[in-house]
Amino acid sequence: MSPQLTMDAVEINYRLRRLGKTQAQIAREVGVSGGVVSNVIHGRITAYAVAQHIAGLLGLRIEDIWPERYIFKPRQRQSHREDMP
């Protein structure tokens, strides 16, 4: 498992620009608007396909970039028997 990174939107954008990628290019590659890409980078929305593409470009996992947003949390199993009389 890789160590937790502290990446904010400025760092993500910086690394993407170093790779020669703009938010507009990423939006075209994934088929979304530039606003969606910006919102994912800034952590305002979760769009898994966009986040996965960005992480792939950076050579990271999405949970390394946005640990609070993309961590698998299994649902609690609910018993239907409790609801029945």
N, C-alpha and C. Protein backbone atom coordinates (compact mmCIF):
# COMPACT_ATOMS: atom_id res chain seq x y z
N MET A 1 0.84 -1.17 0.00
CA MET A 1 0.00 0.00 0.00
C MET A 1 0.89 1.24 0.00
N SER A 2 0.53 2.22 -0.78
CA SER A 2 1.36 3.42 -0.86
C SER A 2 1.01 4.39 0.26
N PRO A 3 1.94 5.24 0.65
CA PRO A 3 1.67 6.18 1.73
C PRO A 3 0.64 7.22 1.30
N GLN A 4 -0.09 7.73 2.28
CA GLN A 4 -1.08 8.76 2.01
C GLN A 4 -0.38 10.05 1.57
N LEU A 5 -0.87 10.63 0.51
CA LEU A 5 -0.32 11.87 -0.01
C LEU A 5 -1.21 13.02 0.42
N THR A 6 -0.64 14.19 0.48
CA THR A 6 -1.44 15.37 0.72
C THR A 6 -1.38 16.19 -0.56
N MET A 7 -2.42 16.03 -1.38
CA MET A 7 -2.45 16.74 -2.65
C MET A 7 -3.69 17.62 -2.68
N ASP A 8 -3.45 18.90 -2.86
CA ASP A 8 -4.58 19.79 -3.04
C ASP A 8 -4.73 20.07 -4.54
N ALA A 9 -5.73 20.85 -4.88
CA ALA A 9 -6.02 21.13 -6.29
C ALA A 9 -4.84 21.79 -7.00
N VAL A 10 -4.12 22.64 -6.30
CA VAL A 10 -2.97 23.32 -6.90
C VAL A 10 -1.90 22.30 -7.28
N GLU A 11 -1.63 21.36 -6.39
CA GLU A 11 -0.62 20.33 -6.65
C GLU A 11 -1.05 19.42 -7.80
N ILE A 12 -2.33 19.04 -7.82
CA ILE A 12 -2.84 18.19 -8.89
C ILE A 12 -2.70 18.90 -10.24
N ASN A 13 -3.15 20.15 -10.30
CA ASN A 13 -3.05 20.93 -11.54
C ASN A 13 -1.59 21.11 -11.96
N TYR A 14 -0.72 21.36 -11.00
CA TYR A 14 0.70 21.53 -11.30
C TYR A 14 1.28 20.27 -11.94
N ARG A 15 0.97 19.13 -11.33
CA ARG A 15 1.50 17.87 -11.87
C ARG A 15 0.93 17.56 -13.25
N LEU A 16 -0.35 17.87 -13.45
CA LEU A 16 -0.95 17.65 -14.77
C LEU A 16 -0.30 18.55 -15.81
N ARG A 17 -0.07 19.80 -15.47
CA ARG A 17 0.58 20.73 -16.41
C ARG A 17 2.00 20.29 -16.73
N ARG A 18 2.71 19.74 -15.75
CA ARG A 18 4.06 19.23 -16.00
C ARG A 18 4.03 18.09 -17.00
N LEU A 19 2.91 17.37 -17.04
CA LEU A 19 2.74 16.29 -18.02
C LEU A 19 2.21 16.82 -19.35
N GLY A 20 1.95 18.14 -19.41
CA GLY A 20 1.43 18.73 -20.64
C GLY A 20 -0.07 18.56 -20.80
N LYS A 21 -0.77 18.28 -19.71
CA LYS A 21 -2.22 18.06 -19.77
C LYS A 21 -2.95 19.25 -19.17
N THR A 22 -4.01 19.67 -19.86
CA THR A 22 -4.88 20.71 -19.32
C THR A 22 -6.20 20.06 -18.91
N GLN A 23 -6.97 20.80 -18.13
CA GLN A 23 -8.28 20.30 -17.74
C GLN A 23 -9.17 20.12 -18.96
N ALA A 24 -9.05 21.01 -19.93
CA ALA A 24 -9.85 20.91 -21.16
C ALA A 24 -9.50 19.63 -21.93
N GLN A 25 -8.22 19.30 -22.01
CA GLN A 25 -7.81 18.07 -22.69
C GLN A 25 -8.35 16.84 -21.97
N ILE A 26 -8.26 16.85 -20.67
CA ILE A 26 -8.77 15.72 -19.88
C ILE A 26 -10.28 15.58 -20.09
N ALA A 27 -10.98 16.70 -20.09
CA ALA A 27 -12.44 16.68 -20.30
C ALA A 27 -12.78 16.05 -21.64
N ARG A 28 -12.04 16.42 -22.69
CA ARG A 28 -12.27 15.83 -24.01
C ARG A 28 -11.98 14.33 -24.02
N GLU A 29 -10.90 13.94 -23.38
CA GLU A 29 -10.51 12.53 -23.34
C GLU A 29 -11.55 11.66 -22.63
N VAL A 30 -12.16 12.21 -21.59
CA VAL A 30 -13.12 11.44 -20.80
C VAL A 30 -14.55 11.64 -21.31
N GLY A 31 -14.77 12.73 -22.04
CA GLY A 31 -16.10 13.00 -22.57
C GLY A 31 -17.02 13.72 -21.61
N VAL A 32 -16.43 14.64 -20.82
CA VAL A 32 -17.22 15.45 -19.90
C VAL A 32 -16.87 16.92 -20.11
N SER A 33 -17.54 17.79 -19.40
CA SER A 33 -17.23 19.22 -19.51
C SER A 33 -16.01 19.56 -18.66
N GLY A 34 -15.41 20.68 -18.98
CA GLY A 34 -14.26 21.14 -18.21
C GLY A 34 -14.62 21.41 -16.76
N GLY A 35 -15.86 21.83 -16.54
CA GLY A 35 -16.32 22.09 -15.17
C GLY A 35 -16.32 20.84 -14.32
N VAL A 36 -16.66 19.72 -14.92
CA VAL A 36 -16.65 18.45 -14.17
C VAL A 36 -15.22 18.11 -13.75
N VAL A 37 -14.29 18.26 -14.66
CA VAL A 37 -12.88 17.97 -14.33
C VAL A 37 -12.41 18.89 -13.21
N SER A 38 -12.72 20.17 -13.30
CA SER A 38 -12.33 21.12 -12.26
C SER A 38 -12.95 20.75 -10.92
N ASN A 39 -14.22 20.40 -10.93
CA ASN A 39 -14.90 20.04 -9.68
C ASN A 39 -14.33 18.78 -9.06
N VAL A 40 -13.93 17.82 -9.86
CA VAL A 40 -13.30 16.61 -9.33
C VAL A 40 -11.95 16.97 -8.71
N ILE A 41 -11.15 17.74 -9.42
CA ILE A 41 -9.84 18.13 -8.92
C ILE A 41 -9.95 18.87 -7.60
N HIS A 42 -10.95 19.73 -7.49
CA HIS A 42 -11.14 20.51 -6.26
C HIS A 42 -11.91 19.76 -5.19
N GLY A 43 -12.31 18.51 -5.48
CA GLY A 43 -12.98 17.70 -4.47
C GLY A 43 -14.42 18.07 -4.21
N ARG A 44 -15.04 18.78 -5.15
CA ARG A 44 -16.44 19.19 -4.96
C ARG A 44 -17.43 18.13 -5.38
N ILE A 45 -17.03 17.26 -6.31
CA ILE A 45 -17.90 16.17 -6.75
C ILE A 45 -17.08 14.90 -6.89
N THR A 46 -17.78 13.78 -6.93
CA THR A 46 -17.11 12.51 -7.19
C THR A 46 -17.60 11.99 -8.53
N ALA A 47 -16.74 11.99 -9.49
CA ALA A 47 -17.00 11.40 -10.81
C ALA A 47 -15.88 10.39 -11.02
N TYR A 48 -16.18 9.14 -10.73
CA TYR A 48 -15.17 8.10 -10.66
C TYR A 48 -14.33 8.01 -11.94
N ALA A 49 -14.97 8.05 -13.10
CA ALA A 49 -14.22 7.90 -14.36
C ALA A 49 -13.21 9.03 -14.53
N VAL A 50 -13.59 10.23 -14.17
CA VAL A 50 -12.69 11.39 -14.29
C VAL A 50 -11.54 11.24 -13.29
N ALA A 51 -11.88 10.92 -12.05
CA ALA A 51 -10.85 10.75 -11.02
C ALA A 51 -9.88 9.64 -11.40
N GLN A 52 -10.41 8.54 -11.92
CA GLN A 52 -9.56 7.41 -12.32
C GLN A 52 -8.62 7.82 -13.45
N HIS A 53 -9.12 8.60 -14.41
CA HIS A 53 -8.28 9.06 -15.52
C HIS A 53 -7.16 9.97 -15.02
N ILE A 54 -7.51 10.90 -14.14
CA ILE A 54 -6.50 11.82 -13.59
C ILE A 54 -5.45 11.03 -12.80
N ALA A 55 -5.90 10.11 -11.98
CA ALA A 55 -4.97 9.30 -11.19
C ALA A 55 -4.04 8.50 -12.10
N GLY A 56 -4.60 7.94 -13.17
CA GLY A 56 -3.78 7.20 -14.11
C GLY A 56 -2.72 8.07 -14.76
N LEU A 57 -3.09 9.28 -15.12
CA LEU A 57 -2.12 10.20 -15.71
C LEU A 57 -0.99 10.50 -14.74
N LEU A 58 -1.33 10.61 -13.46
CA LEU A 58 -0.34 10.95 -12.44
C LEU A 58 0.40 9.72 -11.92
N GLY A 59 -0.02 8.53 -12.35
CA GLY A 59 0.62 7.31 -11.89
C GLY A 59 0.29 6.98 -10.44
N LEU A 60 -0.90 7.38 -10.02
CA LEU A 60 -1.33 7.15 -8.64
C LEU A 60 -2.68 6.45 -8.62
N ARG A 61 -3.10 6.03 -7.44
CA ARG A 61 -4.44 5.50 -7.26
C ARG A 61 -5.35 6.63 -6.81
N ILE A 62 -6.62 6.54 -7.15
CA ILE A 62 -7.52 7.65 -6.77
C ILE A 62 -7.61 7.80 -5.26
N GLU A 63 -7.52 6.69 -4.52
CA GLU A 63 -7.59 6.82 -3.07
C GLU A 63 -6.35 7.46 -2.47
N ASP A 64 -5.26 7.52 -3.24
CA ASP A 64 -4.07 8.24 -2.78
C ASP A 64 -4.23 9.75 -2.95
N ILE A 65 -4.97 10.15 -3.96
CA ILE A 65 -5.16 11.58 -4.22
C ILE A 65 -6.31 12.14 -3.40
N TRP A 66 -7.42 11.40 -3.38
CA TRP A 66 -8.62 11.83 -2.65
C TRP A 66 -9.04 10.76 -1.66
N PRO A 67 -8.28 10.57 -0.58
CA PRO A 67 -8.57 9.46 0.34
C PRO A 67 -9.93 9.57 1.02
N GLU A 68 -10.41 10.76 1.22
CA GLU A 68 -11.69 10.93 1.90
C GLU A 68 -12.89 10.69 0.98
N ARG A 69 -12.67 10.61 -0.32
CA ARG A 69 -13.77 10.47 -1.27
C ARG A 69 -13.88 9.10 -1.92
N TYR A 70 -12.77 8.44 -2.12
CA TYR A 70 -12.79 7.19 -2.89
C TYR A 70 -12.23 6.02 -2.08
N ILE A 71 -12.77 5.80 -0.92
CA ILE A 71 -12.39 4.65 -0.12
C ILE A 71 -13.60 3.74 -0.02
N PHE A 72 -13.40 2.48 -0.33
CA PHE A 72 -14.50 1.52 -0.29
C PHE A 72 -14.98 1.37 1.15
N LYS A 73 -16.25 1.59 1.35
CA LYS A 73 -16.87 1.42 2.65
C LYS A 73 -18.03 0.45 2.49
N PRO A 74 -17.85 -0.78 2.95
CA PRO A 74 -18.95 -1.74 2.78
C PRO A 74 -20.18 -1.31 3.57
N ARG A 75 -21.32 -1.58 2.98
CA ARG A 75 -22.57 -1.24 3.65
C ARG A 75 -22.80 -2.22 4.80
N GLN A 76 -23.48 -1.71 5.81
CA GLN A 76 -23.89 -2.56 6.90
C GLN A 76 -25.03 -3.44 6.42
N ARG A 77 -24.95 -4.70 6.71
CA ARG A 77 -26.01 -5.61 6.30
C ARG A 77 -27.21 -5.41 7.21
N GLN A 78 -28.35 -5.23 6.60
CA GLN A 78 -29.56 -5.03 7.36
C GLN A 78 -30.39 -6.30 7.31
N SER A 79 -30.87 -6.70 8.44
CA SER A 79 -31.69 -7.88 8.51
C SER A 79 -33.14 -7.50 8.25
N HIS A 80 -33.77 -8.17 7.29
CA HIS A 80 -35.17 -7.90 6.99
C HIS A 80 -36.08 -8.51 8.05
N ARG A 81 -35.56 -9.42 8.84
CA ARG A 81 -36.36 -10.05 9.89
C ARG A 81 -36.74 -9.07 10.97
N GLU A 82 -35.89 -8.10 11.22
CA GLU A 82 -36.18 -7.11 12.25
C GLU A 82 -37.42 -6.29 11.93
N ASP A 83 -37.68 -6.08 10.65
CA ASP A 83 -38.81 -5.27 10.23
C ASP A 83 -40.12 -6.05 10.22
N MET A 84 -40.03 -7.35 10.25
CA MET A 84 -41.24 -8.18 10.14
C MET A 84 -41.84 -8.42 11.52
N PRO A 85 -43.18 -8.41 11.61
CA PRO A 85 -43.83 -8.65 12.92
C PRO A 85 -43.73 -10.09 13.35
